[in-house]
N, C-alpha and C. Protein backbone atom coordinates (compact mmCIF):
# COMPACT_ATOMS: atom_id res chain seq x y z
N MET A 1 4.19 -5.22 -9.21
CA MET A 1 3.93 -4.29 -8.13
C MET A 1 2.95 -4.97 -7.18
N LYS A 2 3.27 -4.92 -5.91
CA LYS A 2 2.43 -5.52 -4.88
C LYS A 2 1.97 -4.47 -3.89
N ALA A 3 0.70 -4.58 -3.51
CA ALA A 3 0.16 -3.71 -2.47
C ALA A 3 -0.45 -4.60 -1.39
N LEU A 4 0.11 -4.53 -0.20
CA LEU A 4 -0.48 -5.19 0.96
C LEU A 4 -1.37 -4.14 1.61
N ILE A 5 -2.67 -4.40 1.60
CA ILE A 5 -3.66 -3.41 2.00
C ILE A 5 -4.29 -3.83 3.32
N GLN A 6 -4.27 -2.93 4.29
CA GLN A 6 -4.93 -3.19 5.56
C GLN A 6 -5.99 -2.13 5.80
N ARG A 7 -7.21 -2.60 6.12
CA ARG A 7 -8.26 -1.67 6.52
C ARG A 7 -7.96 -1.25 7.94
N VAL A 8 -7.94 0.05 8.18
CA VAL A 8 -7.53 0.56 9.49
C VAL A 8 -8.55 1.52 10.06
N SER A 9 -8.59 1.59 11.39
CA SER A 9 -9.36 2.66 12.03
C SER A 9 -8.47 3.88 12.21
N ARG A 10 -7.13 3.61 12.25
CA ARG A 10 -6.14 4.68 12.23
C ARG A 10 -4.76 4.07 11.98
N ALA A 11 -3.88 4.87 11.42
CA ALA A 11 -2.51 4.43 11.16
C ALA A 11 -1.62 5.64 11.07
N ARG A 12 -0.36 5.45 11.44
CA ARG A 12 0.60 6.54 11.28
C ARG A 12 1.98 5.95 11.09
N VAL A 13 2.83 6.74 10.47
CA VAL A 13 4.21 6.34 10.24
C VAL A 13 5.10 7.46 10.78
N THR A 14 6.14 7.04 11.52
CA THR A 14 7.06 8.00 12.09
C THR A 14 8.49 7.63 11.73
N GLU A 15 9.34 8.65 11.76
CA GLU A 15 10.78 8.47 11.57
C GLU A 15 11.47 9.28 12.65
N GLY A 16 12.21 8.60 13.51
CA GLY A 16 12.89 9.30 14.59
C GLY A 16 11.94 10.06 15.51
N GLY A 17 10.74 9.52 15.71
CA GLY A 17 9.76 10.15 16.59
C GLY A 17 8.94 11.25 15.93
N ILE A 18 9.25 11.58 14.69
CA ILE A 18 8.51 12.62 13.96
C ILE A 18 7.47 11.97 13.05
N VAL A 19 6.23 12.41 13.15
CA VAL A 19 5.16 11.84 12.34
C VAL A 19 5.32 12.31 10.89
N LEU A 20 5.43 11.35 9.99
CA LEU A 20 5.53 11.65 8.57
C LEU A 20 4.15 11.67 7.91
N GLY A 21 3.28 10.79 8.38
CA GLY A 21 1.93 10.71 7.83
C GLY A 21 1.02 9.98 8.79
N ALA A 22 -0.24 10.38 8.81
CA ALA A 22 -1.21 9.74 9.69
C ALA A 22 -2.59 9.83 9.05
N VAL A 23 -3.37 8.77 9.22
CA VAL A 23 -4.74 8.74 8.69
C VAL A 23 -5.68 8.20 9.76
N GLY A 24 -6.95 8.54 9.59
CA GLY A 24 -8.01 7.95 10.40
C GLY A 24 -8.55 6.74 9.66
N ARG A 25 -9.87 6.61 9.64
CA ARG A 25 -10.50 5.47 9.00
C ARG A 25 -10.10 5.40 7.52
N GLY A 26 -9.59 4.25 7.13
CA GLY A 26 -9.18 4.10 5.75
C GLY A 26 -8.33 2.89 5.52
N LEU A 27 -7.26 3.08 4.75
CA LEU A 27 -6.37 2.00 4.36
C LEU A 27 -4.92 2.36 4.62
N CYS A 28 -4.16 1.38 5.05
CA CYS A 28 -2.71 1.49 5.08
C CYS A 28 -2.22 0.56 3.98
N VAL A 29 -1.49 1.11 3.02
CA VAL A 29 -1.04 0.36 1.86
C VAL A 29 0.49 0.29 1.88
N PHE A 30 1.00 -0.93 2.01
CA PHE A 30 2.43 -1.17 1.88
C PHE A 30 2.67 -1.50 0.42
N LEU A 31 3.54 -0.74 -0.25
CA LEU A 31 3.72 -0.88 -1.68
C LEU A 31 5.12 -1.36 -2.01
N GLY A 32 5.19 -2.48 -2.74
CA GLY A 32 6.46 -3.02 -3.22
C GLY A 32 6.52 -2.92 -4.73
N VAL A 33 7.60 -2.35 -5.25
CA VAL A 33 7.76 -2.16 -6.69
C VAL A 33 8.77 -3.18 -7.20
N ALA A 34 8.34 -3.96 -8.20
CA ALA A 34 9.19 -5.00 -8.79
C ALA A 34 10.02 -4.43 -9.94
N ALA A 35 11.10 -5.12 -10.26
CA ALA A 35 12.03 -4.66 -11.28
C ALA A 35 11.36 -4.40 -12.63
N GLY A 36 10.39 -5.19 -13.02
CA GLY A 36 9.76 -5.04 -14.32
C GLY A 36 8.55 -4.12 -14.35
N ASP A 37 8.23 -3.48 -13.24
CA ASP A 37 7.04 -2.64 -13.17
C ASP A 37 7.24 -1.32 -13.91
N GLY A 38 6.10 -0.77 -14.37
CA GLY A 38 6.13 0.51 -15.06
C GLY A 38 4.96 1.38 -14.62
N GLU A 39 4.82 2.51 -15.29
CA GLU A 39 3.78 3.47 -14.93
C GLU A 39 2.38 2.87 -15.03
N ALA A 40 2.13 2.05 -16.04
CA ALA A 40 0.81 1.45 -16.21
C ALA A 40 0.44 0.58 -15.01
N ASN A 41 1.42 -0.12 -14.45
CA ASN A 41 1.16 -0.94 -13.27
C ASN A 41 0.76 -0.08 -12.08
N ALA A 42 1.45 1.03 -11.89
CA ALA A 42 1.15 1.93 -10.77
C ALA A 42 -0.25 2.52 -10.89
N VAL A 43 -0.61 2.94 -12.08
CA VAL A 43 -1.92 3.54 -12.30
C VAL A 43 -3.02 2.51 -12.09
N LYS A 44 -2.85 1.34 -12.66
CA LYS A 44 -3.87 0.28 -12.55
C LYS A 44 -4.03 -0.18 -11.11
N LEU A 45 -2.92 -0.36 -10.40
CA LEU A 45 -3.00 -0.83 -9.02
C LEU A 45 -3.61 0.23 -8.11
N ALA A 46 -3.31 1.49 -8.34
CA ALA A 46 -3.92 2.56 -7.55
C ALA A 46 -5.44 2.56 -7.73
N SER A 47 -5.90 2.38 -8.94
CA SER A 47 -7.33 2.31 -9.20
C SER A 47 -7.95 1.11 -8.48
N LYS A 48 -7.25 0.00 -8.51
CA LYS A 48 -7.72 -1.21 -7.82
C LYS A 48 -7.86 -0.94 -6.33
N VAL A 49 -6.87 -0.32 -5.74
CA VAL A 49 -6.87 -0.08 -4.29
C VAL A 49 -8.02 0.83 -3.87
N VAL A 50 -8.22 1.94 -4.56
CA VAL A 50 -9.27 2.87 -4.13
C VAL A 50 -10.67 2.32 -4.40
N ASN A 51 -10.77 1.33 -5.30
CA ASN A 51 -12.08 0.78 -5.65
C ASN A 51 -12.39 -0.58 -5.05
N LEU A 52 -11.43 -1.20 -4.37
CA LEU A 52 -11.71 -2.49 -3.72
C LEU A 52 -12.79 -2.32 -2.66
N ARG A 53 -13.73 -3.21 -2.63
CA ARG A 53 -14.83 -3.13 -1.67
C ARG A 53 -14.41 -3.81 -0.37
N LEU A 54 -13.82 -3.04 0.52
CA LEU A 54 -13.28 -3.56 1.78
C LEU A 54 -13.98 -2.99 3.01
N PHE A 55 -14.99 -2.15 2.80
CA PHE A 55 -15.68 -1.50 3.92
C PHE A 55 -17.13 -1.97 3.98
N ASP A 56 -17.64 -2.05 5.21
CA ASP A 56 -18.98 -2.58 5.43
C ASP A 56 -20.07 -1.61 5.01
N ASP A 57 -21.12 -2.18 4.43
CA ASP A 57 -22.33 -1.41 4.17
C ASP A 57 -23.23 -1.47 5.40
N SER A 58 -24.43 -0.97 5.30
CA SER A 58 -25.34 -0.92 6.46
C SER A 58 -25.77 -2.30 6.94
N ASP A 59 -25.58 -3.32 6.09
CA ASP A 59 -25.92 -4.70 6.47
C ASP A 59 -24.71 -5.46 7.02
N GLY A 60 -23.57 -4.80 7.11
CA GLY A 60 -22.37 -5.45 7.63
C GLY A 60 -21.62 -6.26 6.60
N ASN A 61 -21.91 -6.07 5.31
CA ASN A 61 -21.20 -6.77 4.24
C ASN A 61 -20.16 -5.85 3.62
N MET A 62 -19.02 -6.41 3.25
CA MET A 62 -17.97 -5.61 2.62
C MET A 62 -18.38 -5.31 1.18
N ASN A 63 -19.13 -4.24 1.01
CA ASN A 63 -19.63 -3.84 -0.30
C ASN A 63 -19.24 -2.43 -0.70
N LEU A 64 -18.50 -1.73 0.15
CA LEU A 64 -18.16 -0.34 -0.12
C LEU A 64 -16.65 -0.17 -0.28
N SER A 65 -16.27 0.68 -1.20
CA SER A 65 -14.84 0.94 -1.45
C SER A 65 -14.37 2.14 -0.64
N ALA A 66 -13.07 2.31 -0.60
CA ALA A 66 -12.48 3.50 0.04
C ALA A 66 -13.02 4.76 -0.61
N LEU A 67 -13.17 4.72 -1.93
CA LEU A 67 -13.68 5.87 -2.67
C LEU A 67 -15.11 6.20 -2.23
N GLU A 68 -15.93 5.17 -2.06
CA GLU A 68 -17.33 5.38 -1.71
C GLU A 68 -17.53 5.94 -0.31
N ILE A 69 -16.62 5.62 0.60
CA ILE A 69 -16.78 6.13 1.97
C ILE A 69 -15.90 7.34 2.27
N GLY A 70 -15.10 7.75 1.30
CA GLY A 70 -14.21 8.89 1.52
C GLY A 70 -13.09 8.57 2.50
N ALA A 71 -12.56 7.36 2.40
CA ALA A 71 -11.51 6.91 3.31
C ALA A 71 -10.21 7.68 3.06
N GLU A 72 -9.31 7.60 4.02
CA GLU A 72 -7.96 8.14 3.87
C GLU A 72 -7.02 6.97 3.59
N ILE A 73 -5.89 7.27 2.95
CA ILE A 73 -4.92 6.22 2.62
C ILE A 73 -3.54 6.65 3.07
N LEU A 74 -2.86 5.75 3.77
CA LEU A 74 -1.46 5.93 4.12
C LEU A 74 -0.66 4.96 3.25
N VAL A 75 0.25 5.49 2.43
CA VAL A 75 1.06 4.68 1.54
C VAL A 75 2.48 4.63 2.07
N VAL A 76 2.99 3.40 2.24
CA VAL A 76 4.33 3.19 2.79
C VAL A 76 5.12 2.30 1.84
N SER A 77 6.27 2.75 1.43
CA SER A 77 7.14 1.97 0.56
C SER A 77 7.63 0.74 1.32
N GLN A 78 7.58 -0.44 0.66
CA GLN A 78 7.90 -1.69 1.35
C GLN A 78 8.53 -2.68 0.36
N PHE A 79 9.82 -2.50 0.06
CA PHE A 79 10.48 -3.38 -0.90
C PHE A 79 10.51 -4.82 -0.42
N THR A 80 10.39 -5.06 0.88
CA THR A 80 10.45 -6.42 1.40
C THR A 80 9.27 -7.29 0.95
N LEU A 81 8.22 -6.69 0.40
CA LEU A 81 7.12 -7.48 -0.17
C LEU A 81 7.59 -8.31 -1.36
N LEU A 82 8.72 -7.94 -1.95
CA LEU A 82 9.25 -8.66 -3.10
C LEU A 82 10.24 -9.75 -2.70
N ALA A 83 10.30 -10.07 -1.42
CA ALA A 83 11.26 -11.06 -0.93
C ALA A 83 11.02 -12.43 -1.57
N ASP A 84 12.09 -13.07 -1.97
CA ASP A 84 12.04 -14.45 -2.44
C ASP A 84 12.63 -15.31 -1.32
N THR A 85 11.78 -16.13 -0.72
CA THR A 85 12.21 -16.94 0.43
C THR A 85 12.25 -18.43 0.08
N ARG A 86 12.28 -18.75 -1.20
CA ARG A 86 12.23 -20.16 -1.61
C ARG A 86 13.48 -20.94 -1.22
N ARG A 87 14.62 -20.28 -1.14
CA ARG A 87 15.86 -21.00 -0.85
C ARG A 87 16.54 -20.41 0.37
N GLY A 88 17.06 -21.27 1.20
CA GLY A 88 17.85 -20.84 2.35
C GLY A 88 17.05 -20.07 3.38
N ARG A 89 17.80 -19.36 4.22
CA ARG A 89 17.18 -18.60 5.31
C ARG A 89 17.27 -17.10 5.11
N ARG A 90 18.00 -16.66 4.12
CA ARG A 90 18.14 -15.23 3.86
C ARG A 90 17.30 -14.88 2.63
N PRO A 91 16.33 -13.99 2.78
CA PRO A 91 15.51 -13.62 1.62
C PRO A 91 16.37 -12.94 0.55
N SER A 92 15.97 -13.15 -0.70
CA SER A 92 16.60 -12.46 -1.82
C SER A 92 15.71 -11.29 -2.20
N TRP A 93 16.32 -10.16 -2.49
CA TRP A 93 15.59 -8.96 -2.87
C TRP A 93 15.76 -8.67 -4.35
N SER A 94 16.25 -9.62 -5.12
CA SER A 94 16.57 -9.37 -6.52
C SER A 94 15.35 -9.02 -7.37
N ALA A 95 14.15 -9.36 -6.95
CA ALA A 95 12.94 -9.02 -7.71
C ALA A 95 12.54 -7.56 -7.54
N ALA A 96 13.05 -6.90 -6.51
CA ALA A 96 12.68 -5.50 -6.24
C ALA A 96 13.33 -4.57 -7.25
N ALA A 97 12.61 -3.53 -7.61
CA ALA A 97 13.15 -2.53 -8.53
C ALA A 97 14.26 -1.75 -7.84
N PRO A 98 15.23 -1.25 -8.61
CA PRO A 98 16.24 -0.39 -7.99
C PRO A 98 15.58 0.87 -7.42
N PRO A 99 16.13 1.41 -6.33
CA PRO A 99 15.50 2.56 -5.66
C PRO A 99 15.17 3.73 -6.58
N GLU A 100 16.03 4.03 -7.53
CA GLU A 100 15.80 5.17 -8.42
C GLU A 100 14.50 4.99 -9.22
N LYS A 101 14.23 3.78 -9.65
CA LYS A 101 13.01 3.49 -10.40
C LYS A 101 11.82 3.35 -9.46
N ALA A 102 12.02 2.65 -8.36
CA ALA A 102 10.93 2.37 -7.42
C ALA A 102 10.34 3.65 -6.84
N GLU A 103 11.19 4.62 -6.53
CA GLU A 103 10.69 5.85 -5.91
C GLU A 103 9.71 6.59 -6.82
N GLY A 104 10.02 6.67 -8.08
CA GLY A 104 9.13 7.34 -9.02
C GLY A 104 7.79 6.64 -9.14
N LEU A 105 7.80 5.31 -9.16
CA LEU A 105 6.55 4.56 -9.27
C LEU A 105 5.76 4.60 -7.97
N TYR A 106 6.46 4.63 -6.85
CA TYR A 106 5.80 4.81 -5.55
C TYR A 106 5.07 6.15 -5.51
N GLU A 107 5.75 7.20 -5.95
CA GLU A 107 5.14 8.54 -5.97
C GLU A 107 3.97 8.60 -6.95
N LEU A 108 4.11 7.94 -8.09
CA LEU A 108 3.02 7.91 -9.07
C LEU A 108 1.81 7.19 -8.49
N PHE A 109 2.03 6.05 -7.84
CA PHE A 109 0.93 5.31 -7.21
C PHE A 109 0.21 6.19 -6.19
N ALA A 110 0.97 6.80 -5.29
CA ALA A 110 0.37 7.65 -4.25
C ALA A 110 -0.36 8.84 -4.88
N GLY A 111 0.22 9.41 -5.92
CA GLY A 111 -0.41 10.53 -6.60
C GLY A 111 -1.72 10.14 -7.28
N GLU A 112 -1.76 8.95 -7.84
CA GLU A 112 -2.99 8.47 -8.47
C GLU A 112 -4.09 8.28 -7.41
N CYS A 113 -3.73 7.71 -6.26
CA CYS A 113 -4.71 7.55 -5.18
C CYS A 113 -5.19 8.92 -4.70
N ALA A 114 -4.28 9.89 -4.67
CA ALA A 114 -4.60 11.24 -4.17
C ALA A 114 -5.50 12.02 -5.11
N LYS A 115 -5.70 11.54 -6.32
CA LYS A 115 -6.62 12.21 -7.24
C LYS A 115 -8.06 12.12 -6.74
N SER A 116 -8.34 11.11 -5.89
CA SER A 116 -9.71 10.93 -5.44
C SER A 116 -9.87 10.85 -3.92
N LEU A 117 -8.79 10.65 -3.19
CA LEU A 117 -8.86 10.53 -1.73
C LEU A 117 -7.69 11.25 -1.07
N HIS A 118 -7.83 11.51 0.23
CA HIS A 118 -6.73 12.10 0.98
C HIS A 118 -5.66 11.03 1.20
N VAL A 119 -4.43 11.34 0.82
CA VAL A 119 -3.32 10.39 0.93
C VAL A 119 -2.20 11.00 1.75
N GLU A 120 -1.68 10.20 2.67
CA GLU A 120 -0.47 10.53 3.42
C GLU A 120 0.59 9.51 3.02
N ARG A 121 1.86 9.87 3.21
CA ARG A 121 2.95 9.00 2.80
C ARG A 121 3.98 8.84 3.90
N GLY A 122 4.70 7.73 3.80
CA GLY A 122 5.92 7.58 4.56
C GLY A 122 7.04 8.24 3.76
N ARG A 123 8.29 8.04 4.19
CA ARG A 123 9.43 8.59 3.46
C ARG A 123 10.13 7.43 2.76
N PHE A 124 10.31 7.57 1.47
CA PHE A 124 10.94 6.51 0.67
C PHE A 124 12.33 6.21 1.19
N ARG A 125 12.65 4.95 1.37
CA ARG A 125 13.95 4.42 1.82
C ARG A 125 14.29 4.77 3.27
N ALA A 126 13.34 5.25 4.03
CA ALA A 126 13.62 5.59 5.43
C ALA A 126 13.33 4.40 6.33
N MET A 127 14.01 4.34 7.46
CA MET A 127 13.71 3.36 8.50
C MET A 127 12.62 3.98 9.35
N MET A 128 11.41 3.42 9.26
CA MET A 128 10.25 4.03 9.89
C MET A 128 9.59 3.07 10.87
N GLU A 129 8.78 3.64 11.73
CA GLU A 129 7.90 2.86 12.58
C GLU A 129 6.48 3.09 12.09
N VAL A 130 5.76 2.00 11.87
CA VAL A 130 4.39 2.10 11.39
C VAL A 130 3.47 1.57 12.48
N GLU A 131 2.53 2.39 12.88
CA GLU A 131 1.54 2.00 13.88
C GLU A 131 0.20 1.85 13.16
N ILE A 132 -0.40 0.68 13.33
CA ILE A 132 -1.64 0.38 12.62
C ILE A 132 -2.65 -0.20 13.60
N VAL A 133 -3.87 0.30 13.53
CA VAL A 133 -4.98 -0.36 14.22
C VAL A 133 -5.81 -0.97 13.10
N ASN A 134 -5.58 -2.26 12.88
CA ASN A 134 -6.24 -2.99 11.80
C ASN A 134 -7.69 -3.20 12.17
N ASP A 135 -8.59 -2.81 11.30
CA ASP A 135 -10.03 -2.87 11.54
C ASP A 135 -10.58 -4.14 10.91
N GLY A 136 -10.98 -5.08 11.72
CA GLY A 136 -11.58 -6.31 11.19
C GLY A 136 -11.10 -7.56 11.91
N PRO A 137 -9.91 -8.01 11.71
CA PRO A 137 -8.87 -7.48 10.83
C PRO A 137 -9.16 -7.79 9.36
N VAL A 138 -8.80 -6.85 8.51
CA VAL A 138 -8.92 -7.02 7.06
C VAL A 138 -7.55 -6.70 6.46
N THR A 139 -6.97 -7.70 5.79
CA THR A 139 -5.69 -7.54 5.10
C THR A 139 -5.79 -8.26 3.77
N VAL A 140 -5.45 -7.55 2.68
CA VAL A 140 -5.59 -8.08 1.33
C VAL A 140 -4.33 -7.76 0.54
N MET A 141 -3.92 -8.69 -0.33
CA MET A 141 -2.80 -8.46 -1.24
C MET A 141 -3.36 -8.23 -2.63
N ALA A 142 -2.92 -7.15 -3.27
CA ALA A 142 -3.29 -6.89 -4.67
C ALA A 142 -2.01 -6.72 -5.46
N GLU A 143 -2.00 -7.21 -6.71
CA GLU A 143 -0.80 -7.15 -7.53
C GLU A 143 -1.14 -6.73 -8.96
N ASP A 144 -0.22 -6.05 -9.58
CA ASP A 144 -0.31 -5.78 -11.00
C ASP A 144 1.11 -5.84 -11.58
N PRO A 145 1.39 -6.72 -12.51
CA PRO A 145 0.42 -7.66 -13.06
C PRO A 145 0.06 -8.73 -12.04
N PRO A 146 -1.19 -9.23 -12.14
CA PRO A 146 -1.63 -10.25 -11.17
C PRO A 146 -0.84 -11.53 -11.35
N ARG A 147 -0.55 -12.16 -10.23
CA ARG A 147 0.10 -13.47 -10.26
C ARG A 147 -0.91 -14.50 -9.82
N GLU A 148 -0.80 -15.68 -10.39
CA GLU A 148 -1.74 -16.75 -10.03
C GLU A 148 -1.48 -17.20 -8.59
N PRO A 149 -2.58 -17.46 -7.84
CA PRO A 149 -2.41 -17.90 -6.44
C PRO A 149 -1.78 -19.27 -6.34
């Protein structure tokens, strides 16, 4: 499971001009679910995301987590994070979980984050437009299970 995390001053996701979810100061999390992922991965990664120290303290150092500042989180399903681009020009999506499995883990991840923070969501498998004002810019990749860099 991969989470591409962006610290944002605001973000929203729309489908056909209709706002599905919008947040102010917080995180926009693009979530990719891999074929071998399970519930434990979703729970662990959600905890990692809400506790990552990505926000500035009074000295301007990234020492505060989303949980500590009461940030909002926008979670967007993003199977393309699992793209394998090692061969040719067309990415392979074979590492991505099938939609039936991925949707449940996406919802579990978002639900785990929502236990402690306000969470908005995109629509699973929808063609959406995501508007992000990246604050910093700060963009981080988190994975469970972790892969070596």
